[in-house]
Amino acid sequence: MNFIQQQMYERYNNKYAQLQNQEQRGVDNTRRPISHNQALVTAMIDNATSSTPRENLSNAFDAHERFIIGDSAAQTEAKFMKKILKRKEELMNNNNNRNF
């Protein structure tokens, strides 16, 4: 894990720990809905932390190639992107269900 990934991972874990502590103390966690970008970044972090180093390198290579060539040149959606988008939808649905 590089420095930026480590910082994002620590920030995510610190926020998660704060929310758990608030729930244990009975603090009302009325939150605004999670945004598309927040859910996407969280899904990317989850994917990177749950993948092997080899999978992360493969994903990075594929993402770089799609960026350089352009998304219109890619005929199929990458497996890792399907996984990230599915996780993003789960996060958004879970968050929206909690707010109602």
N, C-alpha and C. Protein backbone atom coordinates (compact mmCIF):
# COMPACT_ATOMS: atom_id res chain seq x y z
N MET A 1 0.86 -1.17 0.00
CA MET A 1 0.00 0.00 0.00
C MET A 1 0.91 1.24 0.00
N ASN A 2 0.65 2.16 -0.92
CA ASN A 2 1.48 3.35 -0.96
C ASN A 2 1.02 4.37 0.08
N PHE A 3 1.71 5.49 0.14
CA PHE A 3 1.45 6.50 1.17
C PHE A 3 0.02 7.05 1.09
N ILE A 4 -0.44 7.37 -0.12
CA ILE A 4 -1.77 7.96 -0.28
C ILE A 4 -2.85 6.96 0.13
N GLN A 5 -2.69 5.71 -0.31
CA GLN A 5 -3.65 4.68 0.07
C GLN A 5 -3.67 4.51 1.59
N GLN A 6 -2.49 4.55 2.20
CA GLN A 6 -2.40 4.39 3.66
C GLN A 6 -3.12 5.54 4.37
N GLN A 7 -2.94 6.76 3.88
CA GLN A 7 -3.61 7.91 4.49
C GLN A 7 -5.12 7.81 4.34
N MET A 8 -5.58 7.43 3.16
CA MET A 8 -7.02 7.30 2.95
C MET A 8 -7.60 6.19 3.81
N TYR A 9 -6.88 5.09 3.91
CA TYR A 9 -7.32 3.96 4.72
C TYR A 9 -7.41 4.35 6.20
N GLU A 10 -6.41 5.06 6.69
CA GLU A 10 -6.41 5.50 8.09
C GLU A 10 -7.54 6.50 8.35
N ARG A 11 -7.76 7.42 7.43
CA ARG A 11 -8.84 8.40 7.59
C ARG A 11 -10.20 7.70 7.61
N TYR A 12 -10.37 6.73 6.73
CA TYR A 12 -11.62 5.97 6.68
C TYR A 12 -11.82 5.19 7.98
N ASN A 13 -10.78 4.52 8.45
CA ASN A 13 -10.89 3.74 9.69
C ASN A 13 -11.12 4.63 10.90
N ASN A 14 -10.49 5.80 10.95
CA ASN A 14 -10.70 6.72 12.06
C ASN A 14 -12.14 7.21 12.10
N LYS A 15 -12.69 7.54 10.94
CA LYS A 15 -14.08 7.99 10.87
C LYS A 15 -15.03 6.87 11.29
N TYR A 16 -14.74 5.65 10.85
CA TYR A 16 -15.56 4.50 11.20
C TYR A 16 -15.52 4.26 12.71
N ALA A 17 -14.35 4.36 13.30
CA ALA A 17 -14.20 4.17 14.75
C ALA A 17 -14.96 5.26 15.52
N GLN A 18 -14.92 6.50 15.04
CA GLN A 18 -15.66 7.59 15.70
C GLN A 18 -17.16 7.32 15.66
N LEU A 19 -17.66 6.85 14.53
CA LEU A 19 -19.08 6.56 14.42
C LEU A 19 -19.49 5.41 15.34
N GLN A 20 -18.64 4.40 15.45
CA GLN A 20 -18.94 3.28 16.35
C GLN A 20 -18.97 3.76 17.80
N ASN A 21 -18.03 4.62 18.18
CA ASN A 21 -18.00 5.14 19.55
C ASN A 21 -19.26 5.96 19.84
N GLN A 22 -19.70 6.76 18.87
CA GLN A 22 -20.90 7.56 19.05
C GLN A 22 -22.12 6.67 19.22
N GLU A 23 -22.19 5.60 18.43
CA GLU A 23 -23.33 4.69 18.54
C GLU A 23 -23.34 4.00 19.90
N GLN A 24 -22.17 3.64 20.41
CA GLN A 24 -22.10 2.98 21.71
C GLN A 24 -22.51 3.93 22.83
N ARG A 25 -22.23 5.22 22.67
CA ARG A 25 -22.60 6.21 23.68
C ARG A 25 -24.04 6.69 23.53
N GLY A 26 -24.71 6.25 22.47
CA GLY A 26 -26.10 6.63 22.25
C GLY A 26 -26.27 7.96 21.57
N VAL A 27 -25.24 8.46 20.90
CA VAL A 27 -25.33 9.74 20.19
C VAL A 27 -26.16 9.53 18.93
N ASP A 28 -27.08 10.46 18.65
CA ASP A 28 -27.90 10.39 17.45
C ASP A 28 -27.04 10.70 16.24
N ASN A 29 -26.94 9.76 15.34
CA ASN A 29 -26.13 9.93 14.13
C ASN A 29 -27.01 10.27 12.94
N THR A 30 -27.70 11.38 12.99
CA THR A 30 -28.50 11.81 11.86
C THR A 30 -27.54 12.39 10.83
N ARG A 31 -27.45 11.72 9.71
CA ARG A 31 -26.48 12.12 8.69
C ARG A 31 -27.19 12.48 7.41
N ARG A 32 -26.52 13.28 6.63
CA ARG A 32 -27.05 13.58 5.31
C ARG A 32 -26.70 12.41 4.40
N PRO A 33 -27.44 12.27 3.31
CA PRO A 33 -27.18 11.15 2.40
C PRO A 33 -25.76 11.20 1.85
N ILE A 34 -25.21 10.04 1.62
CA ILE A 34 -23.86 9.94 1.06
C ILE A 34 -23.92 10.34 -0.41
N SER A 35 -22.92 11.06 -0.86
CA SER A 35 -22.90 11.49 -2.26
C SER A 35 -22.37 10.37 -3.15
N HIS A 36 -22.58 10.54 -4.44
CA HIS A 36 -22.09 9.57 -5.43
C HIS A 36 -20.57 9.42 -5.32
N ASN A 37 -19.86 10.55 -5.23
CA ASN A 37 -18.40 10.51 -5.17
C ASN A 37 -17.90 9.88 -3.86
N GLN A 38 -18.56 10.19 -2.74
CA GLN A 38 -18.16 9.58 -1.47
C GLN A 38 -18.31 8.07 -1.52
N ALA A 39 -19.42 7.61 -2.07
CA ALA A 39 -19.66 6.17 -2.18
C ALA A 39 -18.65 5.53 -3.11
N LEU A 40 -18.32 6.20 -4.21
CA LEU A 40 -17.36 5.66 -5.16
C LEU A 40 -15.97 5.55 -4.56
N VAL A 41 -15.52 6.58 -3.85
CA VAL A 41 -14.19 6.55 -3.22
C VAL A 41 -14.14 5.46 -2.15
N THR A 42 -15.20 5.35 -1.35
CA THR A 42 -15.24 4.31 -0.32
C THR A 42 -15.20 2.93 -0.96
N ALA A 43 -15.93 2.74 -2.06
CA ALA A 43 -15.92 1.46 -2.76
C ALA A 43 -14.54 1.15 -3.33
N MET A 44 -13.85 2.18 -3.85
CA MET A 44 -12.49 1.98 -4.38
C MET A 44 -11.54 1.56 -3.27
N ILE A 45 -11.66 2.20 -2.11
CA ILE A 45 -10.79 1.86 -0.98
C ILE A 45 -11.07 0.45 -0.52
N ASP A 46 -12.35 0.10 -0.40
CA ASP A 46 -12.72 -1.26 -0.01
C ASP A 46 -12.15 -2.28 -0.99
N ASN A 47 -12.25 -1.99 -2.29
CA ASN A 47 -11.74 -2.89 -3.30
C ASN A 47 -10.22 -3.04 -3.20
N ALA A 48 -9.53 -1.92 -3.02
CA ALA A 48 -8.06 -1.97 -2.94
C ALA A 48 -7.58 -2.70 -1.69
N THR A 49 -8.27 -2.52 -0.57
CA THR A 49 -7.83 -3.17 0.66
C THR A 49 -8.20 -4.64 0.70
N SER A 50 -9.23 -5.04 -0.05
CA SER A 50 -9.62 -6.45 -0.04
C SER A 50 -8.96 -7.25 -1.17
N SER A 51 -8.24 -6.59 -2.06
CA SER A 51 -7.58 -7.26 -3.18
C SER A 51 -6.14 -7.60 -2.83
N THR A 52 -5.60 -8.57 -3.55
CA THR A 52 -4.20 -8.93 -3.38
C THR A 52 -3.33 -7.89 -4.10
N PRO A 53 -2.05 -7.82 -3.77
CA PRO A 53 -1.17 -6.89 -4.49
C PRO A 53 -1.17 -7.14 -6.00
N ARG A 54 -1.21 -8.39 -6.39
CA ARG A 54 -1.24 -8.72 -7.82
C ARG A 54 -2.51 -8.18 -8.48
N GLU A 55 -3.65 -8.34 -7.81
CA GLU A 55 -4.91 -7.81 -8.34
C GLU A 55 -4.88 -6.29 -8.42
N ASN A 56 -4.29 -5.65 -7.41
CA ASN A 56 -4.19 -4.18 -7.42
C ASN A 56 -3.34 -3.70 -8.59
N LEU A 57 -2.23 -4.39 -8.86
CA LEU A 57 -1.40 -4.01 -10.01
C LEU A 57 -2.14 -4.22 -11.32
N SER A 58 -2.84 -5.32 -11.42
CA SER A 58 -3.63 -5.58 -12.63
C SER A 58 -4.71 -4.53 -12.82
N ASN A 59 -5.39 -4.17 -11.74
CA ASN A 59 -6.44 -3.14 -11.81
C ASN A 59 -5.86 -1.79 -12.21
N ALA A 60 -4.70 -1.45 -11.62
CA ALA A 60 -4.06 -0.18 -11.94
C ALA A 60 -3.64 -0.14 -13.42
N PHE A 61 -3.09 -1.24 -13.90
CA PHE A 61 -2.69 -1.31 -15.31
C PHE A 61 -3.90 -1.14 -16.23
N ASP A 62 -4.98 -1.86 -15.90
CA ASP A 62 -6.20 -1.78 -16.72
C ASP A 62 -6.79 -0.37 -16.69
N ALA A 63 -6.85 0.23 -15.50
CA ALA A 63 -7.40 1.59 -15.37
C ALA A 63 -6.55 2.59 -16.16
N HIS A 64 -5.23 2.45 -16.08
CA HIS A 64 -4.33 3.35 -16.80
C HIS A 64 -4.51 3.18 -18.31
N GLU A 65 -4.60 1.95 -18.75
CA GLU A 65 -4.78 1.69 -20.18
C GLU A 65 -6.10 2.29 -20.67
N ARG A 66 -7.17 2.15 -19.90
CA ARG A 66 -8.47 2.71 -20.28
C ARG A 66 -8.41 4.24 -20.29
N PHE A 67 -7.66 4.81 -19.36
CA PHE A 67 -7.52 6.27 -19.31
C PHE A 67 -6.77 6.79 -20.53
N ILE A 68 -5.69 6.11 -20.89
CA ILE A 68 -4.86 6.53 -22.03
C ILE A 68 -5.60 6.31 -23.35
N ILE A 69 -6.18 5.13 -23.52
CA ILE A 69 -6.87 4.80 -24.77
C ILE A 69 -8.20 5.55 -24.86
N GLY A 70 -8.86 5.68 -23.74
CA GLY A 70 -10.17 6.32 -23.72
C GLY A 70 -11.23 5.27 -23.48
N ASP A 71 -12.26 5.66 -22.77
CA ASP A 71 -13.30 4.71 -22.39
C ASP A 71 -14.07 4.21 -23.60
N SER A 72 -14.16 5.01 -24.66
CA SER A 72 -14.92 4.58 -25.84
C SER A 72 -14.23 3.42 -26.56
N ALA A 73 -12.92 3.30 -26.39
CA ALA A 73 -12.19 2.22 -27.04
C ALA A 73 -12.37 0.90 -26.31
N ALA A 74 -12.72 0.95 -25.04
CA ALA A 74 -12.89 -0.27 -24.26
C ALA A 74 -14.25 -0.90 -24.61
N GLN A 75 -14.22 -2.14 -25.04
CA GLN A 75 -15.45 -2.81 -25.45
C GLN A 75 -16.22 -3.37 -24.25
N THR A 76 -15.51 -3.79 -23.24
CA THR A 76 -16.17 -4.38 -22.07
C THR A 76 -15.76 -3.61 -20.82
N GLU A 77 -16.63 -3.65 -19.85
CA GLU A 77 -16.33 -3.01 -18.58
C GLU A 77 -15.45 -3.95 -17.76
N ALA A 78 -14.43 -3.40 -17.15
CA ALA A 78 -13.49 -4.19 -16.37
C ALA A 78 -14.19 -4.84 -15.18
N LYS A 79 -13.70 -6.02 -14.82
CA LYS A 79 -14.27 -6.77 -13.69
C LYS A 79 -14.18 -5.96 -12.40
N PHE A 80 -13.05 -5.31 -12.19
CA PHE A 80 -12.88 -4.54 -10.95
C PHE A 80 -13.81 -3.34 -10.91
N MET A 81 -14.13 -2.76 -12.07
CA MET A 81 -15.06 -1.62 -12.08
C MET A 81 -16.48 -2.07 -11.76
N LYS A 82 -16.85 -3.25 -12.25
CA LYS A 82 -18.17 -3.79 -11.90
C LYS A 82 -18.28 -3.99 -10.39
N LYS A 83 -17.20 -4.51 -9.82
CA LYS A 83 -17.17 -4.75 -8.38
C LYS A 83 -17.27 -3.43 -7.61
N ILE A 84 -16.53 -2.42 -8.05
CA ILE A 84 -16.55 -1.11 -7.40
C ILE A 84 -17.93 -0.46 -7.52
N LEU A 85 -18.51 -0.50 -8.70
CA LEU A 85 -19.82 0.12 -8.90
C LEU A 85 -20.91 -0.60 -8.11
N LYS A 86 -20.80 -1.92 -8.01
CA LYS A 86 -21.77 -2.68 -7.21
C LYS A 86 -21.67 -2.28 -5.74
N ARG A 87 -20.43 -2.17 -5.24
CA ARG A 87 -20.22 -1.78 -3.84
C ARG A 87 -20.71 -0.36 -3.60
N LYS A 88 -20.50 0.54 -4.57
CA LYS A 88 -20.98 1.92 -4.44
C LYS A 88 -22.50 1.95 -4.29
N GLU A 89 -23.17 1.17 -5.11
CA GLU A 89 -24.64 1.12 -5.02
C GLU A 89 -25.09 0.57 -3.67
N GLU A 90 -24.39 -0.44 -3.16
CA GLU A 90 -24.72 -0.99 -1.83
C GLU A 90 -24.57 0.09 -0.76
N LEU A 91 -23.47 0.84 -0.82
CA LEU A 91 -23.23 1.89 0.16
C LEU A 91 -24.30 2.96 0.10
N MET A 92 -24.65 3.37 -1.11
CA MET A 92 -25.67 4.41 -1.26
C MET A 92 -27.04 3.92 -0.78
N ASN A 93 -27.38 2.67 -1.10
CA ASN A 93 -28.66 2.12 -0.66
C ASN A 93 -28.71 1.98 0.86
N ASN A 94 -27.62 1.49 1.45
CA ASN A 94 -27.57 1.34 2.91
C ASN A 94 -27.70 2.70 3.59
N ASN A 95 -27.00 3.69 3.06
CA ASN A 95 -27.05 5.02 3.64
C ASN A 95 -28.43 5.64 3.51
N ASN A 96 -29.03 5.48 2.34
CA ASN A 96 -30.36 6.04 2.11
C ASN A 96 -31.40 5.37 3.00
N ASN A 97 -31.27 4.07 3.22
CA ASN A 97 -32.20 3.35 4.09
C ASN A 97 -32.07 3.80 5.55
N ARG A 98 -30.86 4.15 5.96
CA ARG A 98 -30.64 4.60 7.34
C ARG A 98 -31.21 6.00 7.57
N ASN A 99 -31.25 6.80 6.53
CA ASN A 99 -31.71 8.19 6.69
C ASN A 99 -33.23 8.31 6.72
N PHE A 100 -33.94 7.24 6.41
CA PHE A 100 -35.40 7.32 6.41
C PHE A 100 -35.99 6.58 7.58
